[in-house]
Amino acid sequence: MAAKYSDRAYLRPQGFERSAHIGADWRSGTKAMVIKSVPMDDANIIVFAIRGTSDFMDWAVNLNMAPTSPAGFLDDPGNLCHAGFLSVARKMIRPVAARLRRLLEEDPSRTSYSLLMTGHSAGGAVASLLYAHMAAFAESTASLLVHR
């Protein structure tokens, strides 16, 4: 499932997929992503897949590789992160939070769903940073995910 939706983040959305696809926005620094609720066997899952390198702007992010402190974003500021991936992850918090909130408002039972975060290549790196942020601040009001 992770590979399937990571691949879909590269495709132009068709029909019902349009509501689950969020396009890249280079002015705000975010990558294209797919966020949708998916029923699977006995489980329900919200899949969040981020596109990897696709164009010149993505390569510019990839080349911004200076080791950078994740202070204020992760709970381990002593470790350093790839500057480009960290910058994109920071900028994606608000659109991701808005889409997740909308999914929960559409169907409050989704609060019990599992969240699968994935991505291809650089998208996987950004997904990992977003997951680490969510895990670090899950119980804290300091998390950017609770801001509107």
N, C-alpha and C. Protein backbone atom coordinates (compact mmCIF):
# COMPACT_ATOMS: atom_id res chain seq x y z
N MET A 1 0.83 -1.19 0.00
CA MET A 1 0.00 0.00 0.00
C MET A 1 0.88 1.25 0.00
N ALA A 2 1.95 1.24 0.79
CA ALA A 2 2.82 2.42 0.85
C ALA A 2 3.40 2.73 -0.52
N ALA A 3 3.88 1.71 -1.23
CA ALA A 3 4.46 1.93 -2.56
C ALA A 3 3.40 2.42 -3.55
N LYS A 4 2.21 1.87 -3.46
CA LYS A 4 1.13 2.26 -4.37
C LYS A 4 0.82 3.75 -4.26
N TYR A 5 0.67 4.24 -3.04
CA TYR A 5 0.33 5.65 -2.86
C TYR A 5 1.53 6.57 -3.04
N SER A 6 2.73 6.08 -2.77
CA SER A 6 3.93 6.88 -3.07
C SER A 6 4.01 7.14 -4.57
N ASP A 7 3.67 6.12 -5.36
CA ASP A 7 3.65 6.27 -6.82
C ASP A 7 2.56 7.24 -7.26
N ARG A 8 1.39 7.18 -6.63
CA ARG A 8 0.28 8.06 -7.01
C ARG A 8 0.59 9.54 -6.76
N ALA A 9 1.50 9.83 -5.86
CA ALA A 9 1.85 11.23 -5.58
C ALA A 9 2.51 11.88 -6.80
N TYR A 10 3.04 11.07 -7.72
CA TYR A 10 3.66 11.59 -8.93
C TYR A 10 2.65 11.83 -10.05
N LEU A 11 1.50 11.19 -9.98
CA LEU A 11 0.54 11.21 -11.07
C LEU A 11 -0.41 12.39 -10.98
N ARG A 12 -0.90 12.83 -12.13
CA ARG A 12 -1.94 13.86 -12.16
C ARG A 12 -3.22 13.20 -11.68
N PRO A 13 -3.87 13.76 -10.66
CA PRO A 13 -5.06 13.12 -10.10
C PRO A 13 -6.23 13.12 -11.09
N GLN A 14 -6.99 12.04 -11.07
CA GLN A 14 -8.16 11.88 -11.93
C GLN A 14 -9.40 11.69 -11.07
N GLY A 15 -10.52 12.25 -11.48
CA GLY A 15 -11.81 12.02 -10.82
C GLY A 15 -11.78 12.21 -9.32
N PHE A 16 -12.19 11.17 -8.60
CA PHE A 16 -12.30 11.24 -7.14
C PHE A 16 -10.96 11.42 -6.45
N GLU A 17 -9.86 11.12 -7.14
CA GLU A 17 -8.53 11.28 -6.54
C GLU A 17 -8.16 12.75 -6.33
N ARG A 18 -8.83 13.66 -7.05
CA ARG A 18 -8.47 15.08 -6.95
C ARG A 18 -8.57 15.60 -5.52
N SER A 19 -9.56 15.14 -4.78
CA SER A 19 -9.74 15.65 -3.42
C SER A 19 -8.65 15.15 -2.47
N ALA A 20 -7.98 14.06 -2.82
CA ALA A 20 -6.95 13.50 -1.96
C ALA A 20 -5.56 14.00 -2.32
N HIS A 21 -5.41 14.64 -3.46
CA HIS A 21 -4.11 15.07 -3.96
C HIS A 21 -3.88 16.54 -3.63
N ILE A 22 -2.72 16.85 -3.11
CA ILE A 22 -2.33 18.23 -2.84
C ILE A 22 -1.09 18.50 -3.68
N GLY A 23 -1.18 19.43 -4.60
CA GLY A 23 -0.08 19.71 -5.51
C GLY A 23 1.09 20.40 -4.84
N ALA A 24 2.25 20.32 -5.50
CA ALA A 24 3.43 21.03 -5.01
C ALA A 24 3.20 22.53 -5.14
N ASP A 25 3.74 23.28 -4.20
CA ASP A 25 3.64 24.73 -4.23
C ASP A 25 5.02 25.29 -3.90
N TRP A 26 5.74 25.70 -4.92
CA TRP A 26 7.12 26.14 -4.69
C TRP A 26 7.21 27.48 -4.01
N ARG A 27 6.17 28.28 -4.09
CA ARG A 27 6.20 29.55 -3.35
C ARG A 27 6.18 29.30 -1.85
N SER A 28 5.42 28.29 -1.42
CA SER A 28 5.38 27.98 0.01
C SER A 28 6.39 26.90 0.39
N GLY A 29 6.99 26.23 -0.60
CA GLY A 29 8.02 25.25 -0.31
C GLY A 29 7.52 23.86 0.00
N THR A 30 6.30 23.50 -0.45
CA THR A 30 5.77 22.17 -0.15
C THR A 30 5.85 21.27 -1.37
N LYS A 31 5.91 19.95 -1.10
CA LYS A 31 5.95 18.94 -2.15
C LYS A 31 4.54 18.42 -2.42
N ALA A 32 4.34 17.80 -3.57
CA ALA A 32 3.06 17.17 -3.88
C ALA A 32 2.85 15.99 -2.95
N MET A 33 1.58 15.75 -2.57
CA MET A 33 1.29 14.64 -1.67
C MET A 33 -0.12 14.13 -1.90
N VAL A 34 -0.35 12.91 -1.44
CA VAL A 34 -1.67 12.29 -1.44
C VAL A 34 -2.02 11.99 0.00
N ILE A 35 -3.18 12.45 0.45
CA ILE A 35 -3.65 12.14 1.80
C ILE A 35 -5.09 11.67 1.66
N LYS A 36 -5.35 10.41 2.00
CA LYS A 36 -6.72 9.91 1.88
C LYS A 36 -6.98 8.80 2.87
N SER A 37 -8.25 8.58 3.13
CA SER A 37 -8.70 7.51 4.00
C SER A 37 -8.93 6.27 3.14
N VAL A 38 -8.37 5.12 3.57
CA VAL A 38 -8.45 3.90 2.77
C VAL A 38 -8.90 2.74 3.65
N PRO A 39 -10.05 2.12 3.35
CA PRO A 39 -10.43 0.91 4.08
C PRO A 39 -9.59 -0.26 3.56
N MET A 40 -9.08 -1.08 4.49
CA MET A 40 -8.25 -2.21 4.08
C MET A 40 -8.47 -3.37 5.03
N ASP A 41 -8.98 -4.47 4.51
CA ASP A 41 -9.26 -5.66 5.30
C ASP A 41 -10.04 -5.27 6.56
N ASP A 42 -9.48 -5.57 7.73
CA ASP A 42 -10.16 -5.26 8.99
C ASP A 42 -9.72 -3.92 9.56
N ALA A 43 -8.86 -3.21 8.87
CA ALA A 43 -8.33 -1.95 9.39
C ALA A 43 -8.73 -0.80 8.48
N ASN A 44 -8.76 0.37 9.05
CA ASN A 44 -8.95 1.59 8.28
C ASN A 44 -7.70 2.42 8.45
N ILE A 45 -7.24 2.98 7.35
CA ILE A 45 -5.95 3.66 7.35
C ILE A 45 -6.09 5.01 6.65
N ILE A 46 -5.42 6.01 7.19
CA ILE A 46 -5.24 7.26 6.48
C ILE A 46 -3.83 7.21 5.92
N VAL A 47 -3.73 7.26 4.60
CA VAL A 47 -2.44 7.18 3.91
C VAL A 47 -1.99 8.59 3.57
N PHE A 48 -0.76 8.88 3.89
CA PHE A 48 -0.15 10.17 3.63
C PHE A 48 1.14 9.89 2.87
N ALA A 49 1.15 10.13 1.56
CA ALA A 49 2.31 9.83 0.71
C ALA A 49 2.85 11.11 0.08
N ILE A 50 4.16 11.28 0.15
CA ILE A 50 4.81 12.49 -0.38
C ILE A 50 5.66 12.13 -1.60
N ARG A 51 5.52 12.93 -2.64
CA ARG A 51 6.28 12.72 -3.87
C ARG A 51 7.77 12.99 -3.62
N GLY A 52 8.60 12.24 -4.29
CA GLY A 52 10.05 12.47 -4.23
C GLY A 52 10.48 13.46 -5.30
N THR A 53 11.72 13.34 -5.71
CA THR A 53 12.29 14.27 -6.68
C THR A 53 11.62 14.11 -8.04
N SER A 54 11.15 15.23 -8.58
CA SER A 54 10.43 15.19 -9.85
C SER A 54 10.86 16.29 -10.82
N ASP A 55 11.38 17.39 -10.32
CA ASP A 55 11.71 18.50 -11.20
C ASP A 55 12.91 19.29 -10.65
N PHE A 56 13.24 20.36 -11.33
CA PHE A 56 14.40 21.17 -10.96
C PHE A 56 14.32 21.67 -9.52
N MET A 57 13.15 22.14 -9.12
CA MET A 57 13.01 22.67 -7.75
C MET A 57 13.27 21.59 -6.72
N ASP A 58 12.83 20.35 -6.99
CA ASP A 58 13.12 19.24 -6.08
C ASP A 58 14.62 19.01 -5.97
N TRP A 59 15.33 19.10 -7.10
CA TRP A 59 16.77 18.92 -7.07
C TRP A 59 17.44 20.03 -6.27
N ALA A 60 16.90 21.24 -6.34
CA ALA A 60 17.44 22.34 -5.54
C ALA A 60 17.30 22.04 -4.05
N VAL A 61 16.16 21.46 -3.66
CA VAL A 61 15.96 21.05 -2.26
C VAL A 61 16.98 19.97 -1.91
N ASN A 62 17.15 18.98 -2.78
CA ASN A 62 18.08 17.89 -2.52
C ASN A 62 19.51 18.39 -2.32
N LEU A 63 19.90 19.41 -3.07
CA LEU A 63 21.27 19.92 -2.99
C LEU A 63 21.50 20.83 -1.79
N ASN A 64 20.45 21.23 -1.12
CA ASN A 64 20.56 22.04 0.10
C ASN A 64 20.78 21.09 1.27
N MET A 65 21.97 20.50 1.34
CA MET A 65 22.20 19.39 2.26
C MET A 65 23.01 19.74 3.50
N ALA A 66 23.18 21.00 3.79
CA ALA A 66 23.95 21.39 4.97
C ALA A 66 23.32 20.80 6.23
N PRO A 67 24.14 20.24 7.12
CA PRO A 67 23.61 19.72 8.39
C PRO A 67 22.99 20.86 9.20
N THR A 68 21.73 20.70 9.60
CA THR A 68 20.98 21.76 10.26
C THR A 68 20.29 21.23 11.50
N SER A 69 20.28 22.02 12.55
CA SER A 69 19.60 21.64 13.79
C SER A 69 18.08 21.66 13.59
N PRO A 70 17.38 20.62 14.06
CA PRO A 70 15.93 20.60 13.97
C PRO A 70 15.25 21.23 15.19
N ALA A 71 15.96 22.09 15.91
CA ALA A 71 15.41 22.72 17.12
C ALA A 71 14.05 23.34 16.82
N GLY A 72 13.10 23.09 17.72
CA GLY A 72 11.75 23.61 17.56
C GLY A 72 10.88 22.74 16.68
N PHE A 73 11.47 21.75 16.01
CA PHE A 73 10.69 20.87 15.13
C PHE A 73 10.74 19.43 15.63
N LEU A 74 11.92 19.00 16.08
CA LEU A 74 12.08 17.67 16.66
C LEU A 74 12.54 17.82 18.10
N ASP A 75 12.35 16.79 18.88
CA ASP A 75 12.73 16.87 20.29
C ASP A 75 14.20 16.50 20.52
N ASP A 76 14.99 16.42 19.48
CA ASP A 76 16.39 16.05 19.58
C ASP A 76 17.25 17.03 18.79
N PRO A 77 17.35 18.29 19.28
CA PRO A 77 18.06 19.31 18.51
C PRO A 77 19.56 19.05 18.39
N GLY A 78 20.10 18.11 19.16
CA GLY A 78 21.52 17.79 19.08
C GLY A 78 21.88 17.05 17.80
N ASN A 79 20.92 16.34 17.23
CA ASN A 79 21.16 15.68 15.95
C ASN A 79 20.91 16.66 14.83
N LEU A 80 21.58 16.47 13.73
CA LEU A 80 21.44 17.38 12.60
C LEU A 80 20.67 16.71 11.47
N CYS A 81 19.98 17.52 10.68
CA CYS A 81 19.16 17.03 9.58
C CYS A 81 19.59 17.68 8.27
N HIS A 82 19.26 17.05 7.17
CA HIS A 82 19.45 17.60 5.83
C HIS A 82 18.63 18.88 5.74
N ALA A 83 19.27 20.01 5.48
CA ALA A 83 18.60 21.32 5.52
C ALA A 83 17.41 21.41 4.57
N GLY A 84 17.54 20.90 3.36
CA GLY A 84 16.45 21.00 2.39
C GLY A 84 15.24 20.20 2.81
N PHE A 85 15.45 18.95 3.24
CA PHE A 85 14.33 18.11 3.66
C PHE A 85 13.65 18.68 4.91
N LEU A 86 14.46 19.19 5.85
CA LEU A 86 13.90 19.79 7.06
C LEU A 86 13.07 21.02 6.72
N SER A 87 13.56 21.84 5.81
CA SER A 87 12.82 23.04 5.41
C SER A 87 11.47 22.67 4.81
N VAL A 88 11.45 21.67 3.93
CA VAL A 88 10.19 21.23 3.32
C VAL A 88 9.26 20.67 4.39
N ALA A 89 9.78 19.84 5.30
CA ALA A 89 8.95 19.26 6.36
C ALA A 89 8.31 20.35 7.21
N ARG A 90 9.09 21.35 7.58
CA ARG A 90 8.55 22.46 8.38
C ARG A 90 7.41 23.16 7.63
N LYS A 91 7.58 23.36 6.33
CA LYS A 91 6.57 24.08 5.55
C LYS A 91 5.34 23.23 5.26
N MET A 92 5.46 21.92 5.38
CA MET A 92 4.33 21.05 5.08
C MET A 92 3.41 20.81 6.27
N ILE A 93 3.83 21.18 7.47
CA ILE A 93 3.02 20.92 8.66
C ILE A 93 1.62 21.50 8.51
N ARG A 94 1.50 22.75 8.15
CA ARG A 94 0.17 23.38 8.08
C ARG A 94 -0.74 22.75 7.03
N PRO A 95 -0.28 22.54 5.77
CA PRO A 95 -1.19 21.89 4.82
C PRO A 95 -1.54 20.46 5.20
N VAL A 96 -0.59 19.73 5.78
CA VAL A 96 -0.89 18.37 6.23
C VAL A 96 -1.92 18.40 7.35
N ALA A 97 -1.71 19.28 8.32
CA ALA A 97 -2.65 19.39 9.44
C ALA A 97 -4.04 19.78 8.95
N ALA A 98 -4.11 20.70 8.00
CA ALA A 98 -5.42 21.13 7.47
C ALA A 98 -6.13 19.96 6.80
N ARG A 99 -5.41 19.18 6.01
CA ARG A 99 -6.04 18.04 5.33
C ARG A 99 -6.46 16.97 6.32
N LEU A 100 -5.61 16.68 7.31
CA LEU A 100 -5.98 15.68 8.32
C LEU A 100 -7.20 16.14 9.12
N ARG A 101 -7.24 17.43 9.47
CA ARG A 101 -8.41 17.97 10.18
C ARG A 101 -9.67 17.80 9.34
N ARG A 102 -9.57 18.09 8.04
CA ARG A 102 -10.73 17.97 7.16
C ARG A 102 -11.21 16.51 7.08
N LEU A 103 -10.29 15.56 7.01
CA LEU A 103 -10.68 14.15 7.01
C LEU A 103 -11.41 13.78 8.29
N LEU A 104 -10.96 14.30 9.42
CA LEU A 104 -11.61 14.00 10.70
C LEU A 104 -12.96 14.69 10.82
N GLU A 105 -13.08 15.90 10.28
CA GLU A 105 -14.37 16.60 10.31
C GLU A 105 -15.39 15.90 9.42
N GLU A 106 -14.94 15.35 8.28
CA GLU A 106 -15.84 14.63 7.37
C GLU A 106 -16.38 13.37 8.03
N ASP A 107 -15.55 12.70 8.83
CA ASP A 107 -15.95 11.45 9.48
C ASP A 107 -15.19 11.32 10.80
N PRO A 108 -15.83 11.73 11.92
CA PRO A 108 -15.15 11.69 13.22
C PRO A 108 -14.67 10.29 13.64
N SER A 109 -15.24 9.22 13.07
CA SER A 109 -14.78 7.88 13.43
C SER A 109 -13.35 7.63 12.95
N ARG A 110 -12.85 8.48 12.08
CA ARG A 110 -11.48 8.32 11.58
C ARG A 110 -10.43 8.57 12.66
N THR A 111 -10.83 9.10 13.81
CA THR A 111 -9.85 9.29 14.89
C THR A 111 -9.26 7.96 15.34
N SER A 112 -9.94 6.85 15.07
CA SER A 112 -9.43 5.53 15.45
C SER A 112 -8.61 4.88 14.34
N TYR A 113 -8.49 5.51 13.19
CA TYR A 113 -7.74 4.95 12.06
C TYR A 113 -6.24 5.01 12.33
N SER A 114 -5.52 4.12 11.67
CA SER A 114 -4.06 4.18 11.68
C SER A 114 -3.60 5.21 10.66
N LEU A 115 -2.43 5.77 10.88
CA LEU A 115 -1.86 6.74 9.95
C LEU A 115 -0.60 6.12 9.33
N LEU A 116 -0.60 5.96 8.02
CA LEU A 116 0.54 5.44 7.28
C LEU A 116 1.20 6.60 6.55
N MET A 117 2.42 6.93 6.96
CA MET A 117 3.17 8.03 6.32
C MET A 117 4.27 7.41 5.48
N THR A 118 4.31 7.79 4.21
CA THR A 118 5.27 7.20 3.30
C THR A 118 5.67 8.21 2.24
N GLY A 119 6.64 7.86 1.46
CA GLY A 119 7.06 8.71 0.35
C GLY A 119 8.14 8.01 -0.43
N HIS A 120 8.38 8.49 -1.63
CA HIS A 120 9.42 7.92 -2.47
C HIS A 120 10.65 8.82 -2.42
N SER A 121 11.79 8.25 -2.16
CA SER A 121 13.06 8.97 -2.19
C SER A 121 13.04 10.18 -1.25
N ALA A 122 13.21 11.38 -1.77
CA ALA A 122 13.20 12.58 -0.92
C ALA A 122 11.87 12.72 -0.19
N GLY A 123 10.78 12.25 -0.80
CA GLY A 123 9.47 12.27 -0.13
C GLY A 123 9.46 11.39 1.10
N GLY A 124 10.19 10.27 1.04
CA GLY A 124 10.32 9.40 2.21
C GLY A 124 11.08 10.08 3.33
N ALA A 125 12.11 10.85 2.97
CA ALA A 125 12.87 11.60 3.98
C ALA A 125 11.98 12.63 4.66
N VAL A 126 11.18 13.35 3.87
CA VAL A 126 10.28 14.36 4.44
C VAL A 126 9.20 13.68 5.29
N ALA A 127 8.66 12.55 4.81
CA ALA A 127 7.65 11.82 5.58
C ALA A 127 8.23 11.37 6.92
N SER A 128 9.48 10.92 6.92
CA SER A 128 10.13 10.50 8.18
C SER A 128 10.26 11.66 9.15
N LEU A 129 10.65 12.82 8.65
CA LEU A 129 10.77 14.00 9.52
C LEU A 129 9.40 14.42 10.07
N LEU A 130 8.36 14.38 9.23
CA LEU A 130 7.02 14.73 9.70
C LEU A 130 6.54 13.74 10.76
N TYR A 131 6.81 12.44 10.54
CA TYR A 131 6.44 11.43 11.53
C TYR A 131 7.17 11.69 12.85
N ALA A 132 8.47 11.95 12.77
CA ALA A 132 9.25 12.21 13.98
C ALA A 132 8.71 13.44 14.71
N HIS A 133 8.30 14.46 13.96
CA HIS A 133 7.71 15.65 14.58
C HIS A 133 6.41 15.28 15.30
N MET A 134 5.56 14.53 14.61
CA MET A 134 4.28 14.15 15.21
C MET A 134 4.50 13.29 16.46
N ALA A 135 5.46 12.37 16.40
CA ALA A 135 5.74 11.51 17.55
C ALA A 135 6.31 12.32 18.71
N ALA A 136 7.16 13.29 18.41
CA ALA A 136 7.80 14.09 19.45
C ALA A 136 6.80 15.00 20.16
N PHE A 137 5.82 15.49 19.43
CA PHE A 137 4.90 16.47 19.99
C PHE A 137 3.46 15.98 20.08
N ALA A 138 3.25 14.68 20.06
CA ALA A 138 1.90 14.13 20.03
C ALA A 138 1.03 14.61 21.19
N GLU A 139 1.60 14.72 22.36
CA GLU A 139 0.81 15.10 23.53
C GLU A 139 1.00 16.56 23.91
N SER A 140 1.73 17.30 23.11
CA SER A 140 2.08 18.66 23.48
C SER A 140 1.32 19.69 22.65
N THR A 141 0.92 20.77 23.29
CA THR A 141 0.29 21.85 22.54
C THR A 141 1.31 22.62 21.72
N ALA A 142 2.60 22.31 21.90
CA ALA A 142 3.65 22.97 21.11
C ALA A 142 3.67 22.46 19.67
N SER A 143 3.00 21.34 19.41
CA SER A 143 3.01 20.79 18.05
C SER A 143 2.34 21.74 17.07
N LEU A 144 2.99 21.94 15.95
CA LEU A 144 2.41 22.78 14.90
C LEU A 144 1.16 22.16 14.30
N LEU A 145 0.93 20.88 14.53
CA LEU A 145 -0.24 20.22 13.97
C LEU A 145 -1.54 20.73 14.57
N VAL A 146 -1.49 21.30 15.76
CA VAL A 146 -2.73 21.77 16.38
C VAL A 146 -3.05 23.21 15.99
N HIS A 147 -2.13 23.90 15.34
CA HIS A 147 -2.36 25.30 14.95
C HIS A 147 -3.18 25.37 13.68
N ARG A 148 -4.02 26.37 13.57
CA ARG A 148 -4.82 26.56 12.36
C ARG A 148 -4.31 27.67 11.55
